Structure formats: C-alpha cells, structure tokens
Amino acid sequence: MTQTTRRALIASASAAAFLTSACMNTVGSQGGAIIDQRVDQTLNHLYQNHPGVAEVGRNAAGILVMPLVTEAGLGIGGSYGRGALRVQGVTVDYYSAAQISAGLQIGAQQYAHVLFFMTDQSLTNFRTTIGWSAGADAEYAVMDQGENISAETITTLEPVVAVIFGQAGLIASAVIEGTKYTRIIP
C-alpha cells in the first residue's frame, strides 16, 4: 500500500509541476510581444553570462530562441516551449518546440535553448521544412552553472549549434535531439 501511495504522490506531483509550469510558458499569451520580450531577455542573459557565445550569434545566419521550455515525465514525458526566429536581429517567425519521450524518467524541469543556424542553407532548410526536428546535424553545448563557454569551445563548422542553459528542476539532463519545431501564429 505504501508503494502505491508513493507512486500516486509522485505522479500527482509531476502532473502538478507540469501543469503549473506550462501555464507560465506563454501558453495563451496575447501575441508575439510577450515572446519577443522573453527572447530579448534570454539573449541578454546568455550573452552577459557567456560572452563567447555572442560571437557565435554575430556569425549566425539566423537564431531560434526558446526562452522557456518545460519538460516533465513519469515513464512517458514531454516538453513544450515557444520562441522566435531572428534573422539579422529581427523576428521573422514564431515557433513552438515539442518533444515526447519514453523510458526511465521522473520529474520536471525548465530550461532555455538557442539554435544558431551557422549557414544560409541550414536556415533555409529549417524555414522550409514543415515540422523540422533537431537531430544529428546539430552540435550541442549544454551549460550548467559555473561552466564557461566560448566560441572556441563551440565548433562553428556544424550547420546548427544548439546551446542549452538555465536548467532548473528535477530531471537530470536537457536534450533537444528529437524536438519538433513548428511555425506558429502567437
């Protein structure tokens, strides 16, 4: 009986954490202005705390910023976030990021991630592919507190560079491989 009660408690806590955090994840926002404001704050935070990444941003053909991705799981999990694609510093489209996963997992977390499209071709592929998914053609740089990242630690020879940062929560790691990006109208 105790084991069943613990499982129910953990399941309830995970569901509550997911629903609570999803409510703060721009779901139901009143348009792109809120997303743009969060994108600005996210990029400012990233560039101030990891100045070497600013150089990667200056060399990118486009930047997709997901200011807040919420992930939760109990055996089966998922994540969701909204963000904006910027080309030459101007928002050109809005996107959602969604992922479903299964396996040994329990908990919830939130994080931010930024995709730097380092070539015009990778940016074009992203913008013209319906339901583009992050995969093996991306180089990942996951930053925890205390880690320093610079342009030298990110090889910009990859067509897409993904930077994950600001993790907070109870799941051990954040991975965007397999995340599906879809253009949205906020």
Protein backbone atom coordinates (compact mmCIF):
# COMPACT_ATOMS: atom_id res chain seq x y z
CA MET A 1 0.00 0.00 0.00
CA THR A 2 2.84 2.37 0.84
CA GLN A 3 4.45 1.79 -2.54
CA THR A 4 1.19 2.56 -4.36
CA THR A 5 0.74 5.72 -2.30
CA ARG A 6 4.26 6.91 -3.16
CA ARG A 7 3.70 6.29 -6.84
CA ALA A 8 0.43 8.20 -6.75
CA LEU A 9 2.09 11.06 -4.89
CA ILE A 10 4.98 11.22 -7.34
CA ALA A 11 2.61 11.06 -10.32
CA SER A 12 0.45 13.81 -8.86
CA ALA A 13 3.47 15.99 -8.10
CA SER A 14 4.84 15.55 -11.62
CA ALA A 15 1.48 16.33 -13.21
CA ALA A 16 1.02 19.39 -10.99
CA ALA A 17 4.53 20.65 -11.75
CA PHE A 18 3.97 20.21 -15.48
CA LEU A 19 0.60 21.95 -15.48
CA THR A 20 1.81 24.80 -13.28
CA SER A 21 4.91 25.42 -15.36
CA ALA A 22 3.01 25.09 -18.63
CA CYS A 23 0.72 27.88 -17.50
CA MET A 24 3.75 30.16 -17.28
CA ASN A 25 5.19 29.03 -20.62
CA THR A 26 3.47 31.65 -22.79
CA VAL A 27 0.58 29.27 -23.43
CA GLY A 28 -2.40 31.54 -24.02
CA SER A 29 -0.21 34.60 -24.48
CA GLN A 30 -1.66 37.65 -26.17
CA GLY A 31 0.71 37.58 -29.12
CA GLY A 32 4.27 37.88 -30.19
CA ALA A 33 5.15 40.85 -27.99
CA ILE A 34 5.49 38.65 -24.90
CA ILE A 35 7.58 36.10 -26.78
CA ASP A 36 9.81 38.85 -28.21
CA GLN A 37 10.34 40.32 -24.73
CA ARG A 38 11.34 36.90 -23.37
CA VAL A 39 13.65 36.31 -26.35
CA ASP A 40 15.39 39.64 -25.69
CA GLN A 41 15.84 38.78 -22.00
CA THR A 42 17.11 35.29 -22.83
CA LEU A 43 19.69 36.52 -25.35
CA ASN A 44 20.85 39.28 -22.99
CA HIS A 45 21.27 36.74 -20.18
CA LEU A 46 23.11 34.29 -22.44
CA TYR A 47 25.49 36.88 -23.88
CA GLN A 48 26.20 38.52 -20.49
CA ASN A 49 26.94 35.23 -18.74
CA HIS A 50 28.72 33.57 -21.67
CA PRO A 51 30.28 36.36 -23.75
CA GLY A 52 31.94 33.96 -26.18
CA VAL A 53 28.53 32.87 -27.43
CA ALA A 54 27.85 36.42 -28.65
CA GLU A 55 30.49 35.87 -31.35
CA VAL A 56 28.68 32.73 -32.48
CA GLY A 57 25.47 34.79 -32.62
CA ARG A 58 27.10 37.50 -34.73
CA ASN A 59 28.27 34.87 -37.24
CA ALA A 60 24.95 33.01 -37.44
CA ALA A 61 22.63 33.29 -40.42
CA GLY A 62 19.68 33.04 -38.02
CA ILE A 63 18.96 32.36 -34.36
CA LEU A 64 15.99 30.47 -32.91
CA VAL A 65 15.49 31.35 -29.24
CA MET A 66 13.31 29.25 -26.96
CA PRO A 67 13.26 31.27 -23.73
CA LEU A 68 11.40 28.71 -21.64
CA VAL A 69 10.94 25.02 -22.35
CA THR A 70 9.05 23.00 -19.77
CA GLU A 71 9.75 19.27 -19.56
CA ALA A 72 8.06 16.70 -17.34
CA GLY A 73 7.90 12.96 -17.25
CA LEU A 74 6.83 9.90 -15.37
CA GLY A 75 7.75 6.99 -17.63
CA ILE A 76 6.30 8.92 -20.56
CA GLY A 77 7.32 12.53 -20.79
CA GLY A 78 7.18 15.57 -22.94
CA SER A 79 8.36 19.11 -23.33
CA TYR A 80 6.94 22.28 -24.82
CA GLY A 81 8.06 25.84 -25.38
CA ARG A 82 7.56 28.81 -27.67
CA GLY A 83 10.09 31.15 -29.18
CA ALA A 84 11.11 33.32 -32.08
CA LEU A 85 13.39 33.03 -35.09
CA ARG A 86 15.55 36.06 -35.66
CA VAL A 87 17.47 36.93 -38.80
CA GLN A 88 19.84 39.90 -38.55
CA GLY A 89 18.34 40.73 -35.15
CA VAL A 90 14.73 40.94 -36.42
CA THR A 91 11.98 38.44 -35.55
CA VAL A 92 10.79 36.80 -38.76
CA ASP A 93 8.69 33.91 -37.39
CA TYR A 94 7.44 32.31 -34.18
CA TYR A 95 7.87 28.62 -33.39
CA SER A 96 6.83 26.02 -30.87
CA ALA A 97 9.14 23.23 -29.75
CA ALA A 98 7.61 19.93 -28.64
CA GLN A 99 9.12 16.60 -27.70
CA ILE A 100 7.72 13.29 -26.47
CA SER A 101 9.89 10.73 -24.72
CA ALA A 102 9.51 7.37 -23.04
CA GLY A 103 11.74 5.44 -20.70
CA LEU A 104 13.12 5.64 -17.21
CA GLN A 105 12.32 9.23 -16.23
CA ILE A 106 10.61 11.08 -13.46
CA GLY A 107 10.41 14.76 -12.61
CA ALA A 108 10.08 18.16 -14.20
CA GLN A 109 12.41 20.93 -15.27
CA GLN A 110 12.62 24.11 -17.27
CA TYR A 111 15.44 25.39 -19.44
CA ALA A 112 16.20 27.73 -22.31
CA HIS A 113 17.80 26.82 -25.58
CA VAL A 114 19.06 28.67 -28.61
CA LEU A 115 19.72 27.24 -32.06
CA PHE A 116 22.34 29.08 -34.08
CA PHE A 117 21.97 28.39 -37.81
CA MET A 118 25.54 28.83 -39.00
CA THR A 119 24.87 28.58 -42.74
CA ASP A 120 22.28 30.07 -45.04
CA GLN A 121 21.46 26.52 -46.20
CA SER A 122 20.72 25.28 -42.66
CA LEU A 123 18.49 28.31 -42.05
CA THR A 124 16.66 27.76 -45.34
CA ASN A 125 16.19 24.05 -44.55
CA PHE A 126 14.74 24.96 -41.15
CA ARG A 127 12.34 27.56 -42.55
CA THR A 128 11.11 25.41 -45.45
CA THR A 129 10.74 22.07 -43.67
CA ILE A 130 7.37 21.52 -42.03
CA GLY A 131 7.96 20.13 -38.55
CA TRP A 132 11.79 20.38 -38.58
CA SER A 133 13.36 18.13 -35.94
CA ALA A 134 16.65 18.65 -34.14
CA GLY A 135 18.92 15.75 -34.90
CA ALA A 136 22.41 14.60 -35.64
CA ASP A 137 23.28 17.65 -37.75
CA ALA A 138 23.45 19.85 -34.65
CA GLU A 139 26.35 20.35 -32.26
CA TYR A 140 25.17 20.59 -28.64
CA ALA A 141 26.64 22.72 -25.88
CA VAL A 142 24.94 22.19 -22.53
CA MET A 143 25.88 24.76 -19.90
CA ASP A 144 25.37 24.27 -16.20
CA GLN A 145 26.05 26.88 -13.56
CA GLY A 146 29.76 27.52 -13.28
CA GLU A 147 30.58 26.33 -16.78
CA ASN A 148 32.14 28.79 -19.17
CA ILE A 149 31.54 28.51 -22.87
CA SER A 150 33.30 30.42 -25.58
CA ALA A 151 33.39 30.50 -29.35
CA GLU A 152 36.47 28.27 -29.18
CA THR A 153 34.58 25.55 -27.30
CA ILE A 154 31.78 25.54 -29.88
CA THR A 155 32.91 24.44 -33.27
CA THR A 156 31.02 26.57 -35.77
CA LEU A 157 31.75 24.07 -38.54
CA GLU A 158 28.42 22.40 -37.80
CA PRO A 159 25.40 23.77 -39.68
CA VAL A 160 23.40 24.14 -36.42
CA VAL A 161 24.78 24.86 -32.96
CA ALA A 162 22.40 24.26 -30.03
CA VAL A 163 23.09 25.91 -26.68
CA ILE A 164 21.08 24.68 -23.69
CA PHE A 165 21.26 26.67 -20.45
CA GLY A 166 19.41 27.80 -17.35
CA GLN A 167 18.27 24.33 -16.31
CA ALA A 168 16.17 24.23 -13.17
CA GLY A 169 14.23 21.27 -11.90
CA LEU A 170 14.37 17.61 -11.05
CA ILE A 171 15.26 15.88 -14.33
CA ALA A 172 18.96 15.11 -14.73
CA SER A 173 19.57 16.49 -18.22
CA ALA A 174 18.09 18.51 -21.04
CA VAL A 175 18.35 17.21 -24.60
CA ILE A 176 16.73 18.74 -27.65
CA GLU A 177 17.51 15.94 -30.09
CA GLY A 178 14.19 14.77 -31.46
CA THR A 179 12.45 18.04 -30.63
CA LYS A 180 9.99 19.05 -33.35
CA TYR A 181 9.81 22.75 -34.26
CA THR A 182 6.64 24.08 -35.85
CA ARG A 183 5.87 27.59 -37.09
CA ILE A 184 3.04 29.16 -35.10
CA ILE A 185 0.96 32.31 -35.06
CA PRO A 186 1.10 33.62 -31.47
